[in-house]
Amino acid sequence: MATEVLAPLPGKIIRINIEPNATVVEDLEIMVIEAMKMETPIYAPCDGVIEKMLKKEGDEVEEDDLLALIG
């Protein structure tokens, strides 16, 4: 079963550091969300492979939006 990566706060995705099918390790920075001129890194919650990226750079997100799936 895939692990969900959720947005911790509302904001805009300003950088994505990985591609689908990339192998990630726990605590690897996978993307950055900007809110009120502050950047918040989003880290992989576990080791695995990025099964699906559900957002792209420039997308606005709300708290708890699904960003990616790690399998």
PDB file of N, CA and C in Angstrom:
ATOM      1  N   MET A   1       0.844  -1.191   0.000  1.00  0.00           N
ATOM      2  CA  MET A   1       0.000   0.000   0.000  1.00  0.00           C
ATOM      3  C   MET A   1       0.884   1.247   0.000  1.00  0.00           C
ATOM      4  N   ALA A   2       0.488   2.226  -0.762  1.00  0.00           N
ATOM      5  CA  ALA A   2       1.282   3.454  -0.916  1.00  0.00           C
ATOM      6  C   ALA A   2       1.133   4.362   0.304  1.00  0.00           C
ATOM      7  N   THR A   3       2.218   5.078   0.597  1.00  0.00           N
ATOM      8  CA  THR A   3       2.212   6.084   1.656  1.00  0.00           C
ATOM      9  C   THR A   3       1.882   7.426   1.035  1.00  0.00           C
ATOM     10  N   GLU A   4       0.944   8.135   1.640  1.00  0.00           N
ATOM     11  CA  GLU A   4       0.529   9.436   1.122  1.00  0.00           C
ATOM     12  C   GLU A   4       1.434  10.533   1.666  1.00  0.00           C
ATOM     13  N   VAL A   5       1.782  11.479   0.799  1.00  0.00           N
ATOM     14  CA  VAL A   5       2.499  12.688   1.202  1.00  0.00           C
ATOM     15  C   VAL A   5       1.479  13.820   1.132  1.00  0.00           C
ATOM     16  N   LEU A   6       1.177  14.423   2.283  1.00  0.00           N
ATOM     17  CA  LEU A   6       0.152  15.461   2.370  1.00  0.00           C
ATOM     18  C   LEU A   6       0.767  16.826   2.603  1.00  0.00           C
ATOM     19  N   ALA A   7       0.093  17.859   2.130  1.00  0.00           N
ATOM     20  CA  ALA A   7       0.542  19.235   2.367  1.00  0.00           C
ATOM     21  C   ALA A   7       0.313  19.590   3.830  1.00  0.00           C
ATOM     22  N   PRO A   8       1.342  20.077   4.516  1.00  0.00           N
ATOM     23  CA  PRO A   8       1.189  20.422   5.936  1.00  0.00           C
ATOM     24  C   PRO A   8       0.511  21.784   6.153  1.00  0.00           C
ATOM     25  N   LEU A   9       0.427  22.588   5.070  1.00  0.00           N
ATOM     26  CA  LEU A   9      -0.144  23.930   5.177  1.00  0.00           C
ATOM     27  C   LEU A   9      -0.563  24.390   3.789  1.00  0.00           C
ATOM     28  N   PRO A  10      -1.435  25.394   3.704  1.00  0.00           N
ATOM     29  CA  PRO A  10      -1.783  25.931   2.395  1.00  0.00           C
ATOM     30  C   PRO A  10      -0.639  26.774   1.845  1.00  0.00           C
ATOM     31  N   GLY A  11      -0.494  26.791   0.541  1.00  0.00           N
ATOM     32  CA  GLY A  11       0.562  27.587  -0.093  1.00  0.00           C
ATOM     33  C   GLY A  11       0.697  27.221  -1.553  1.00  0.00           C
ATOM     34  N   LYS A  12       1.856  27.562  -2.115  1.00  0.00           N
ATOM     35  CA  LYS A  12       2.143  27.323  -3.524  1.00  0.00           C
ATOM     36  C   LYS A  12       3.393  26.461  -3.638  1.00  0.00           C
ATOM     37  N   ILE A  13       3.335  25.453  -4.486  1.00  0.00           N
ATOM     38  CA  ILE A  13       4.510  24.611  -4.713  1.00  0.00           C
ATOM     39  C   ILE A  13       5.476  25.402  -5.589  1.00  0.00           C
ATOM     40  N   ILE A  14       6.653  25.671  -5.044  1.00  0.00           N
ATOM     41  CA  ILE A  14       7.631  26.463  -5.797  1.00  0.00           C
ATOM     42  C   ILE A  14       8.775  25.619  -6.346  1.00  0.00           C
ATOM     43  N   ARG A  15       8.943  24.409  -5.828  1.00  0.00           N
ATOM     44  CA  ARG A  15      10.032  23.562  -6.327  1.00  0.00           C
ATOM     45  C   ARG A  15       9.695  22.093  -6.071  1.00  0.00           C
ATOM     46  N   ILE A  16       9.923  21.265  -7.080  1.00  0.00           N
ATOM     47  CA  ILE A  16       9.809  19.814  -6.941  1.00  0.00           C
ATOM     48  C   ILE A  16      11.175  19.233  -7.275  1.00  0.00           C
ATOM     49  N   ASN A  17      11.711  18.454  -6.356  1.00  0.00           N
ATOM     50  CA  ASN A  17      13.082  17.950  -6.490  1.00  0.00           C
ATOM     51  C   ASN A  17      13.169  16.522  -7.032  1.00  0.00           C
ATOM     52  N   ILE A  18      12.045  15.870  -7.255  1.00  0.00           N
ATOM     53  CA  ILE A  18      12.066  14.471  -7.693  1.00  0.00           C
ATOM     54  C   ILE A  18      11.075  14.266  -8.831  1.00  0.00           C
ATOM     55  N   GLU A  19      11.230  13.150  -9.514  1.00  0.00           N
ATOM     56  CA  GLU A  19      10.353  12.770 -10.620  1.00  0.00           C
ATOM     57  C   GLU A  19       9.613  11.490 -10.244  1.00  0.00           C
ATOM     58  N   PRO A  20       8.487  11.223 -10.911  1.00  0.00           N
ATOM     59  CA  PRO A  20       7.831   9.927 -10.706  1.00  0.00           C
ATOM     60  C   PRO A  20       8.808   8.790 -10.998  1.00  0.00           C
ATOM     61  N   ASN A  21       8.680   7.714 -10.277  1.00  0.00           N
ATOM     62  CA  ASN A  21       9.512   6.510 -10.371  1.00  0.00           C
ATOM     63  C   ASN A  21      10.898   6.691  -9.765  1.00  0.00           C
ATOM     64  N   ALA A  22      11.166   7.858  -9.152  1.00  0.00           N
ATOM     65  CA  ALA A  22      12.448   8.065  -8.483  1.00  0.00           C
ATOM     66  C   ALA A  22      12.446   7.328  -7.145  1.00  0.00           C
ATOM     67  N   THR A  23      13.592   6.797  -6.779  1.00  0.00           N
ATOM     68  CA  THR A  23      13.751   6.167  -5.473  1.00  0.00           C
ATOM     69  C   THR A  23      14.083   7.245  -4.453  1.00  0.00           C
ATOM     70  N   VAL A  24      13.385   7.210  -3.314  1.00  0.00           N
ATOM     71  CA  VAL A  24      13.614   8.190  -2.253  1.00  0.00           C
ATOM     72  C   VAL A  24      13.909   7.473  -0.947  1.00  0.00           C
ATOM     73  N   VAL A  25      14.587   8.171  -0.066  1.00  0.00           N
ATOM     74  CA  VAL A  25      14.836   7.669   1.280  1.00  0.00           C
ATOM     75  C   VAL A  25      14.127   8.591   2.262  1.00  0.00           C
ATOM     76  N   GLU A  26      13.810   8.047   3.412  1.00  0.00           N
ATOM     77  CA  GLU A  26      13.133   8.831   4.440  1.00  0.00           C
ATOM     78  C   GLU A  26      13.900  10.123   4.712  1.00  0.00           C
ATOM     79  N   ASP A  27      13.182  11.222   4.852  1.00  0.00           N
ATOM     80  CA  ASP A  27      13.707  12.563   5.143  1.00  0.00           C
ATOM     81  C   ASP A  27      14.396  13.234   3.954  1.00  0.00           C
ATOM     82  N   LEU A  28      14.286  12.689   2.748  1.00  0.00           N
ATOM     83  CA  LEU A  28      14.782  13.361   1.557  1.00  0.00           C
ATOM     84  C   LEU A  28      13.801  14.478   1.207  1.00  0.00           C
ATOM     85  N   GLU A  29      14.316  15.679   0.939  1.00  0.00           N
ATOM     86  CA  GLU A  29      13.435  16.782   0.544  1.00  0.00           C
ATOM     87  C   GLU A  29      12.898  16.506  -0.855  1.00  0.00           C
ATOM     88  N   ILE A  30      11.576  16.413  -0.974  1.00  0.00           N
ATOM     89  CA  ILE A  30      10.998  16.111  -2.283  1.00  0.00           C
ATOM     90  C   ILE A  30      10.373  17.331  -2.949  1.00  0.00           C
ATOM     91  N   MET A  31       9.963  18.318  -2.155  1.00  0.00           N
ATOM     92  CA  MET A  31       9.416  19.549  -2.727  1.00  0.00           C
ATOM     93  C   MET A  31       9.402  20.652  -1.684  1.00  0.00           C
ATOM     94  N   VAL A  32       9.089  21.880  -2.137  1.00  0.00           N
ATOM     95  CA  VAL A  32       9.048  23.034  -1.246  1.00  0.00           C
ATOM     96  C   VAL A  32       7.747  23.791  -1.510  1.00  0.00           C
ATOM     97  N   ILE A  33       7.058  24.142  -0.417  1.00  0.00           N
ATOM     98  CA  ILE A  33       5.838  24.953  -0.494  1.00  0.00           C
ATOM     99  C   ILE A  33       6.150  26.324   0.089  1.00  0.00           C
ATOM    100  N   GLU A  34       5.688  27.363  -0.603  1.00  0.00           N
ATOM    101  CA  GLU A  34       5.868  28.730  -0.107  1.00  0.00           C
ATOM    102  C   GLU A  34       4.528  29.254   0.388  1.00  0.00           C
ATOM    103  N   ALA A  35       4.552  29.837   1.587  1.00  0.00           N
ATOM    104  CA  ALA A  35       3.359  30.466   2.159  1.00  0.00           C
ATOM    105  C   ALA A  35       3.808  31.719   2.887  1.00  0.00           C
ATOM    106  N   MET A  36       3.235  32.841   2.535  1.00  0.00           N
ATOM    107  CA  MET A  36       3.561  34.123   3.159  1.00  0.00           C
ATOM    108  C   MET A  36       5.075  34.391   3.147  1.00  0.00           C
ATOM    109  N   LYS A  37       5.705  34.132   1.982  1.00  0.00           N
ATOM    110  CA  LYS A  37       7.140  34.364   1.748  1.00  0.00           C
ATOM    111  C   LYS A  37       8.062  33.471   2.582  1.00  0.00           C
ATOM    112  N   MET A  38       7.500  32.439   3.206  1.00  0.00           N
ATOM    113  CA  MET A  38       8.312  31.469   3.947  1.00  0.00           C
ATOM    114  C   MET A  38       8.287  30.147   3.181  1.00  0.00           C
ATOM    115  N   GLU A  39       9.453  29.529   3.049  1.00  0.00           N
ATOM    116  CA  GLU A  39       9.550  28.255   2.347  1.00  0.00           C
ATOM    117  C   GLU A  39       9.517  27.104   3.341  1.00  0.00           C
ATOM    118  N   THR A  40       8.670  26.114   3.050  1.00  0.00           N
ATOM    119  CA  THR A  40       8.544  24.942   3.905  1.00  0.00           C
ATOM    120  C   THR A  40       8.905  23.703   3.098  1.00  0.00           C
ATOM    121  N   PRO A  41      10.011  23.047   3.440  1.00  0.00           N
ATOM    122  CA  PRO A  41      10.373  21.829   2.710  1.00  0.00           C
ATOM    123  C   PRO A  41       9.434  20.678   3.091  1.00  0.00           C
ATOM    124  N   ILE A  42       9.148  19.836   2.114  1.00  0.00           N
ATOM    125  CA  ILE A  42       8.342  18.636   2.322  1.00  0.00           C
ATOM    126  C   ILE A  42       9.281  17.448   2.143  1.00  0.00           C
ATOM    127  N   TYR A  43       9.329  16.592   3.152  1.00  0.00           N
ATOM    128  CA  TYR A  43      10.263  15.464   3.158  1.00  0.00           C
ATOM    129  C   TYR A  43       9.532  14.142   2.943  1.00  0.00           C
ATOM    130  N   ALA A  44      10.222  13.189   2.345  1.00  0.00           N
ATOM    131  CA  ALA A  44       9.669  11.848   2.186  1.00  0.00           C
ATOM    132  C   ALA A  44       9.461  11.242   3.570  1.00  0.00           C
ATOM    133  N   PRO A  45       8.265  10.721   3.845  1.00  0.00           N
ATOM    134  CA  PRO A  45       8.001  10.139   5.159  1.00  0.00           C
ATOM    135  C   PRO A  45       8.569   8.726   5.323  1.00  0.00           C
ATOM    136  N   CYS A  46       9.047   8.132   4.208  1.00  0.00           N
ATOM    137  CA  CYS A  46       9.555   6.760   4.264  1.00  0.00           C
ATOM    138  C   CYS A  46      10.443   6.501   3.043  1.00  0.00           C
ATOM    139  N   ASP A  47      11.141   5.386   3.073  1.00  0.00           N
ATOM    140  CA  ASP A  47      11.884   4.926   1.904  1.00  0.00           C
ATOM    141  C   ASP A  47      10.894   4.368   0.886  1.00  0.00           C
ATOM    142  N   GLY A  48      11.223   4.477  -0.395  1.00  0.00           N
ATOM    143  CA  GLY A  48      10.367   3.884  -1.416  1.00  0.00           C
ATOM    144  C   GLY A  48      10.596   4.489  -2.782  1.00  0.00           C
ATOM    145  N   VAL A  49       9.595   4.329  -3.630  1.00  0.00           N
ATOM    146  CA  VAL A  49       9.627   4.840  -4.997  1.00  0.00           C
ATOM    147  C   VAL A  49       8.424   5.756  -5.174  1.00  0.00           C
ATOM    148  N   ILE A  50       8.639   6.903  -5.811  1.00  0.00           N
ATOM    149  CA  ILE A  50       7.540   7.823  -6.080  1.00  0.00           C
ATOM    150  C   ILE A  50       6.626   7.176  -7.115  1.00  0.00           C
ATOM    151  N   GLU A  51       5.453   6.741  -6.683  1.00  0.00           N
ATOM    152  CA  GLU A  51       4.502   6.104  -7.600  1.00  0.00           C
ATOM    153  C   GLU A  51       3.779   7.146  -8.444  1.00  0.00           C
ATOM    154  N   LYS A  52       3.450   8.283  -7.822  1.00  0.00           N
ATOM    155  CA  LYS A  52       2.677   9.291  -8.547  1.00  0.00           C
ATOM    156  C   LYS A  52       2.877  10.651  -7.901  1.00  0.00           C
ATOM    157  N   MET A  53       3.097  11.661  -8.732  1.00  0.00           N
ATOM    158  CA  MET A  53       3.113  13.059  -8.281  1.00  0.00           C
ATOM    159  C   MET A  53       1.767  13.647  -8.675  1.00  0.00           C
ATOM    160  N   LEU A  54       1.034  14.162  -7.722  1.00  0.00           N
ATOM    161  CA  LEU A  54      -0.312  14.652  -7.996  1.00  0.00           C
ATOM    162  C   LEU A  54      -0.372  16.159  -8.192  1.00  0.00           C
ATOM    163  N   LYS A  55       0.722  16.841  -7.918  1.00  0.00           N
ATOM    164  CA  LYS A  55       0.794  18.296  -8.087  1.00  0.00           C
ATOM    165  C   LYS A  55       2.050  18.625  -8.876  1.00  0.00           C
ATOM    166  N   LYS A  56       2.085  19.852  -9.425  1.00  0.00           N
ATOM    167  CA  LYS A  56       3.268  20.302 -10.164  1.00  0.00           C
ATOM    168  C   LYS A  56       3.680  21.674  -9.650  1.00  0.00           C
ATOM    169  N   GLU A  57       4.866  22.121 -10.045  1.00  0.00           N
ATOM    170  CA  GLU A  57       5.330  23.444  -9.639  1.00  0.00           C
ATOM    171  C   GLU A  57       4.329  24.500 -10.068  1.00  0.00           C
ATOM    172  N   GLY A  58       4.063  25.441  -9.162  1.00  0.00           N
ATOM    173  CA  GLY A  58       3.120  26.511  -9.443  1.00  0.00           C
ATOM    174  C   GLY A  58       1.715  26.234  -8.936  1.00  0.00           C
ATOM    175  N   ASP A  59       1.417  24.979  -8.596  1.00  0.00           N
ATOM    176  CA  ASP A  59       0.087  24.648  -8.089  1.00  0.00           C
ATOM    177  C   ASP A  59      -0.126  25.224  -6.693  1.00  0.00           C
ATOM    178  N   GLU A  60      -1.324  25.711  -6.450  1.00  0.00           N
ATOM    179  CA  GLU A  60      -1.736  26.127  -5.112  1.00  0.00           C
ATOM    180  C   GLU A  60      -2.289  24.891  -4.409  1.00  0.00           C
ATOM    181  N   VAL A  61      -1.952  24.738  -3.144  1.00  0.00           N
ATOM    182  CA  VAL A  61      -2.441  23.595  -2.371  1.00  0.00           C
ATOM    183  C   VAL A  61      -3.056  24.077  -1.068  1.00  0.00           C
ATOM    184  N   GLU A  62      -3.935  23.264  -0.543  1.00  0.00           N
ATOM    185  CA  GLU A  62      -4.546  23.510   0.756  1.00  0.00           C
ATOM    186  C   GLU A  62      -3.970  22.506   1.748  1.00  0.00           C
ATOM    187  N   GLU A  63      -4.121  22.778   3.021  1.00  0.00           N
ATOM    188  CA  GLU A  63      -3.655  21.854   4.053  1.00  0.00           C
ATOM    189  C   GLU A  63      -4.291  20.484   3.832  1.00  0.00           C
ATOM    190  N   ASP A  64      -3.488  19.438   3.943  1.00  0.00           N
ATOM    191  CA  ASP A  64      -3.878  18.047   3.788  1.00  0.00           C
ATOM    192  C   ASP A  64      -4.193  17.630   2.353  1.00  0.00           C
ATOM    193  N   ASP A  65      -3.892  18.472   1.354  1.00  0.00           N
ATOM    194  CA  ASP A  65      -4.007  18.025  -0.034  1.00  0.00           C
ATOM    195  C   ASP A  65      -3.000  16.908  -0.280  1.00  0.00           C
ATOM    196  N   LEU A  66      -3.375  15.937  -1.083  1.00  0.00           N
ATOM    197  CA  LEU A  66      -2.483  14.845  -1.440  1.00  0.00           C
ATOM    198  C   LEU A  66      -1.503  15.332  -2.495  1.00  0.00           C
ATOM    199  N   LEU A  67      -0.201  15.233  -2.184  1.00  0.00           N
ATOM    200  CA  LEU A  67       0.857  15.724  -3.069  1.00  0.00           C
ATOM    201  C   LEU A  67       1.490  14.605  -3.893  1.00  0.00           C
ATOM    202  N   ALA A  68       1.727  13.465  -3.247  1.00  0.00           N
ATOM    203  CA  ALA A  68       2.427  12.375  -3.910  1.00  0.00           C
ATOM    204  C   ALA A  68       2.124  11.055  -3.208  1.00  0.00           C
ATOM    205  N   LEU A  69       2.419   9.960  -3.908  1.00  0.00           N
ATOM    206  CA  LEU A  69       2.291   8.620  -3.337  1.00  0.00           C
ATOM    207  C   LEU A  69       3.653   7.933  -3.422  1.00  0.00           C
ATOM    208  N   ILE A  70       4.063   7.340  -2.321  1.00  0.00           N
ATOM    209  CA  ILE A  70       5.319   6.604  -2.253  1.00  0.00           C
ATOM    210  C   ILE A  70       5.001   5.145  -1.976  1.00  0.00           C
ATOM    211  N   GLY A  71       5.514   4.261  -2.839  1.00  0.00           N
ATOM    212  CA  GLY A  71       5.248   2.841  -2.673  1.00  0.00           C
ATOM    213  C   GLY A  71       6.479   2.073  -2.311  1.00  0.00           C
TER     214      GLY A  71
END
